[in-house]
Amino acid sequence: EQALLTQAQYQRRIEEAEQELWVLTAADQPDAAAIDTKVQQIAKLQGDQRIAFIRACGEAAKVLTDEQRKQLTGMLPPAPTPMAPAAPGMPAGGGISDM
C-alpha cells in the first residue's frame, strides 16, 4: 500500500510538471531555458519514481521465503494448481483429448 501511495504521489507531481511544460511550450515566445529546465525536472521525477518502486520491491521481497523469491523471479516453476473437474462432454481433467 505504501509503495502504491508513493507511486501515485510521484505520478501527480509528474503530471503537474507536464502541465507546466505544456504552458511553457504554448507561450507566444517559448523560453527555451525554462522548457529545458522543466524537461529535466520531469526526467528526474520519473527516475526518482522508478528508483522508489525498485526499492519498495526490494523491501517487500525481504518478507518472502527463498522459495517465494525464486518463484517471483521466474527461477522456480509455479506450484501446480489442482485440476478442475471435467465439464460435461469433456474428457477427465478438462483438457482436449488426443485425436
C-alpha atoms as a PDB file:
ATOM      1  CA  GLU A   1       0.000   0.000   0.000  1.00  0.00           C
ATOM      2  CA  GLN A   2       2.835   2.361   0.850  1.00  0.00           C
ATOM      3  CA  ALA A   3       4.533   1.665  -2.490  1.00  0.00           C
ATOM      4  CA  LEU A   4       1.306   2.377  -4.383  1.00  0.00           C
ATOM      5  CA  LEU A   5       0.802   5.610  -2.447  1.00  0.00           C
ATOM      6  CA  THR A   6       4.347   6.720  -3.219  1.00  0.00           C
ATOM      7  CA  GLN A   7       3.898   5.888  -6.905  1.00  0.00           C
ATOM      8  CA  ALA A   8       0.664   7.889  -7.021  1.00  0.00           C
ATOM      9  CA  GLN A   9       2.362  10.879  -5.385  1.00  0.00           C
ATOM     10  CA  TYR A  10       5.168  10.796  -7.938  1.00  0.00           C
ATOM     11  CA  GLN A  11       2.667  10.430 -10.763  1.00  0.00           C
ATOM     12  CA  ARG A  12       0.743  13.518  -9.596  1.00  0.00           C
ATOM     13  CA  ARG A  13       3.973  15.524  -9.430  1.00  0.00           C
ATOM     14  CA  ILE A  14       4.941  14.351 -12.928  1.00  0.00           C
ATOM     15  CA  GLU A  15       1.524  15.251 -14.319  1.00  0.00           C
ATOM     16  CA  GLU A  16       1.712  18.719 -12.732  1.00  0.00           C
ATOM     17  CA  ALA A  17       5.157  19.262 -14.244  1.00  0.00           C
ATOM     18  CA  GLU A  18       3.875  18.058 -17.632  1.00  0.00           C
ATOM     19  CA  GLN A  19       1.052  20.619 -17.441  1.00  0.00           C
ATOM     20  CA  GLU A  20       3.588  23.328 -16.594  1.00  0.00           C
ATOM     21  CA  LEU A  21       5.693  22.211 -19.558  1.00  0.00           C
ATOM     22  CA  TRP A  22       2.657  22.447 -21.814  1.00  0.00           C
ATOM     23  CA  VAL A  23       2.063  26.032 -20.661  1.00  0.00           C
ATOM     24  CA  LEU A  24       5.719  26.874 -21.311  1.00  0.00           C
ATOM     25  CA  THR A  25       5.645  25.410 -24.818  1.00  0.00           C
ATOM     26  CA  ALA A  26       2.325  27.081 -25.663  1.00  0.00           C
ATOM     27  CA  ALA A  27       3.645  30.587 -24.948  1.00  0.00           C
ATOM     28  CA  ASP A  28       3.885  33.118 -27.790  1.00  0.00           C
ATOM     29  CA  GLN A  29       7.633  33.318 -27.197  1.00  0.00           C
ATOM     30  CA  PRO A  30       8.639  29.974 -25.596  1.00  0.00           C
ATOM     31  CA  ASP A  31      11.553  30.275 -23.171  1.00  0.00           C
ATOM     32  CA  ALA A  32      13.952  27.533 -24.243  1.00  0.00           C
ATOM     33  CA  ALA A  33      15.875  27.615 -20.957  1.00  0.00           C
ATOM     34  CA  ALA A  34      12.693  27.262 -18.882  1.00  0.00           C
ATOM     35  CA  ILE A  35      11.500  24.434 -21.136  1.00  0.00           C
ATOM     36  CA  ASP A  36      14.857  22.669 -20.792  1.00  0.00           C
ATOM     37  CA  THR A  37      14.732  23.019 -17.007  1.00  0.00           C
ATOM     38  CA  LYS A  38      11.168  21.657 -16.867  1.00  0.00           C
ATOM     39  CA  VAL A  39      12.035  18.673 -19.100  1.00  0.00           C
ATOM     40  CA  GLN A  40      14.986  17.872 -16.841  1.00  0.00           C
ATOM     41  CA  GLN A  41      12.741  18.158 -13.781  1.00  0.00           C
ATOM     42  CA  ILE A  42      10.250  15.711 -15.328  1.00  0.00           C
ATOM     43  CA  ALA A  43      13.033  13.266 -16.192  1.00  0.00           C
ATOM     44  CA  LYS A  44      14.352  13.435 -12.616  1.00  0.00           C
ATOM     45  CA  LEU A  45      10.881  12.829 -11.189  1.00  0.00           C
ATOM     46  CA  GLN A  46      10.436   9.815 -13.474  1.00  0.00           C
ATOM     47  CA  GLY A  47      13.814   8.437 -12.423  1.00  0.00           C
ATOM     48  CA  ASP A  48      13.055   9.037  -8.742  1.00  0.00           C
ATOM     49  CA  GLN A  49       9.693   7.295  -9.172  1.00  0.00           C
ATOM     50  CA  ARG A  50      11.367   4.286 -10.731  1.00  0.00           C
ATOM     51  CA  ILE A  51      14.028   4.066  -8.007  1.00  0.00           C
ATOM     52  CA  ALA A  52      11.341   4.329  -5.311  1.00  0.00           C
ATOM     53  CA  PHE A  53       9.452   1.424  -6.914  1.00  0.00           C
ATOM     54  CA  ILE A  54      12.589  -0.709  -7.147  1.00  0.00           C
ATOM     55  CA  ARG A  55      13.414  -0.021  -3.503  1.00  0.00           C
ATOM     56  CA  ALA A  56       9.845  -0.842  -2.442  1.00  0.00           C
ATOM     57  CA  CYS A  57      10.057  -4.157  -4.310  1.00  0.00           C
ATOM     58  CA  GLY A  58      13.331  -4.907  -2.539  1.00  0.00           C
ATOM     59  CA  GLU A  59      11.782  -4.170   0.843  1.00  0.00           C
ATOM     60  CA  ALA A  60       8.746  -6.317   0.042  1.00  0.00           C
ATOM     61  CA  ALA A  61      10.987  -9.181  -1.082  1.00  0.00           C
ATOM     62  CA  LYS A  62      12.637  -9.257   2.346  1.00  0.00           C
ATOM     63  CA  VAL A  63       9.496 -10.811   3.866  1.00  0.00           C
ATOM     64  CA  LEU A  64       9.392 -13.634   1.293  1.00  0.00           C
ATOM     65  CA  THR A  65      10.951 -17.042   1.730  1.00  0.00           C
ATOM     66  CA  ASP A  66      13.759 -18.090  -0.617  1.00  0.00           C
ATOM     67  CA  GLU A  67      11.303 -20.307  -2.494  1.00  0.00           C
ATOM     68  CA  GLN A  68       8.788 -17.465  -2.884  1.00  0.00           C
ATOM     69  CA  ARG A  69      11.528 -15.139  -4.177  1.00  0.00           C
ATOM     70  CA  LYS A  70      12.603 -17.762  -6.736  1.00  0.00           C
ATOM     71  CA  GLN A  71       9.004 -18.179  -7.901  1.00  0.00           C
ATOM     72  CA  LEU A  72       8.579 -14.428  -8.191  1.00  0.00           C
ATOM     73  CA  THR A  73      11.738 -14.004 -10.268  1.00  0.00           C
ATOM     74  CA  GLY A  74      10.922 -16.971 -12.503  1.00  0.00           C
ATOM     75  CA  MET A  75      13.768 -19.128 -11.226  1.00  0.00           C
ATOM     76  CA  LEU A  76      11.343 -21.754  -9.937  1.00  0.00           C
ATOM     77  CA  PRO A  77       8.309 -23.097 -11.783  1.00  0.00           C
ATOM     78  CA  PRO A  78       4.951 -22.102 -10.285  1.00  0.00           C
ATOM     79  CA  ALA A  79       3.316 -24.512  -7.885  1.00  0.00           C
ATOM     80  CA  PRO A  80       0.910 -26.909  -9.635  1.00  0.00           C
ATOM     81  CA  THR A  81      -2.740 -25.966  -9.425  1.00  0.00           C
ATOM     82  CA  PRO A  82      -5.442 -28.551  -8.776  1.00  0.00           C
ATOM     83  CA  MET A  83      -7.186 -29.781 -11.911  1.00  0.00           C
ATOM     84  CA  ALA A  84     -10.710 -28.551 -12.455  1.00  0.00           C
ATOM     85  CA  PRO A  85     -13.447 -31.197 -12.692  1.00  0.00           C
ATOM     86  CA  ALA A  86     -14.318 -32.177 -16.237  1.00  0.00           C
ATOM     87  CA  ALA A  87     -17.232 -30.351 -17.814  1.00  0.00           C
ATOM     88  CA  PRO A  88     -19.996 -32.476 -19.380  1.00  0.00           C
ATOM     89  CA  GLY A  89     -18.770 -33.844 -22.694  1.00  0.00           C
ATOM     90  CA  MET A  90     -15.111 -33.166 -21.851  1.00  0.00           C
ATOM     91  CA  PRO A  91     -12.519 -35.831 -21.018  1.00  0.00           C
ATOM     92  CA  ALA A  92     -11.350 -36.118 -17.411  1.00  0.00           C
ATOM     93  CA  GLY A  93      -9.004 -33.293 -16.432  1.00  0.00           C
ATOM     94  CA  GLY A  94     -10.837 -30.730 -18.563  1.00  0.00           C
ATOM     95  CA  GLY A  95      -8.312 -30.904 -21.430  1.00  0.00           C
ATOM     96  CA  ILE A  96      -8.700 -31.733 -25.084  1.00  0.00           C
ATOM     97  CA  SER A  97      -8.359 -35.418 -25.871  1.00  0.00           C
ATOM     98  CA  ASP A  98      -5.730 -36.694 -28.314  1.00  0.00           C
ATOM     99  CA  MET A  99      -7.206 -37.456 -31.685  1.00  0.00           C
END
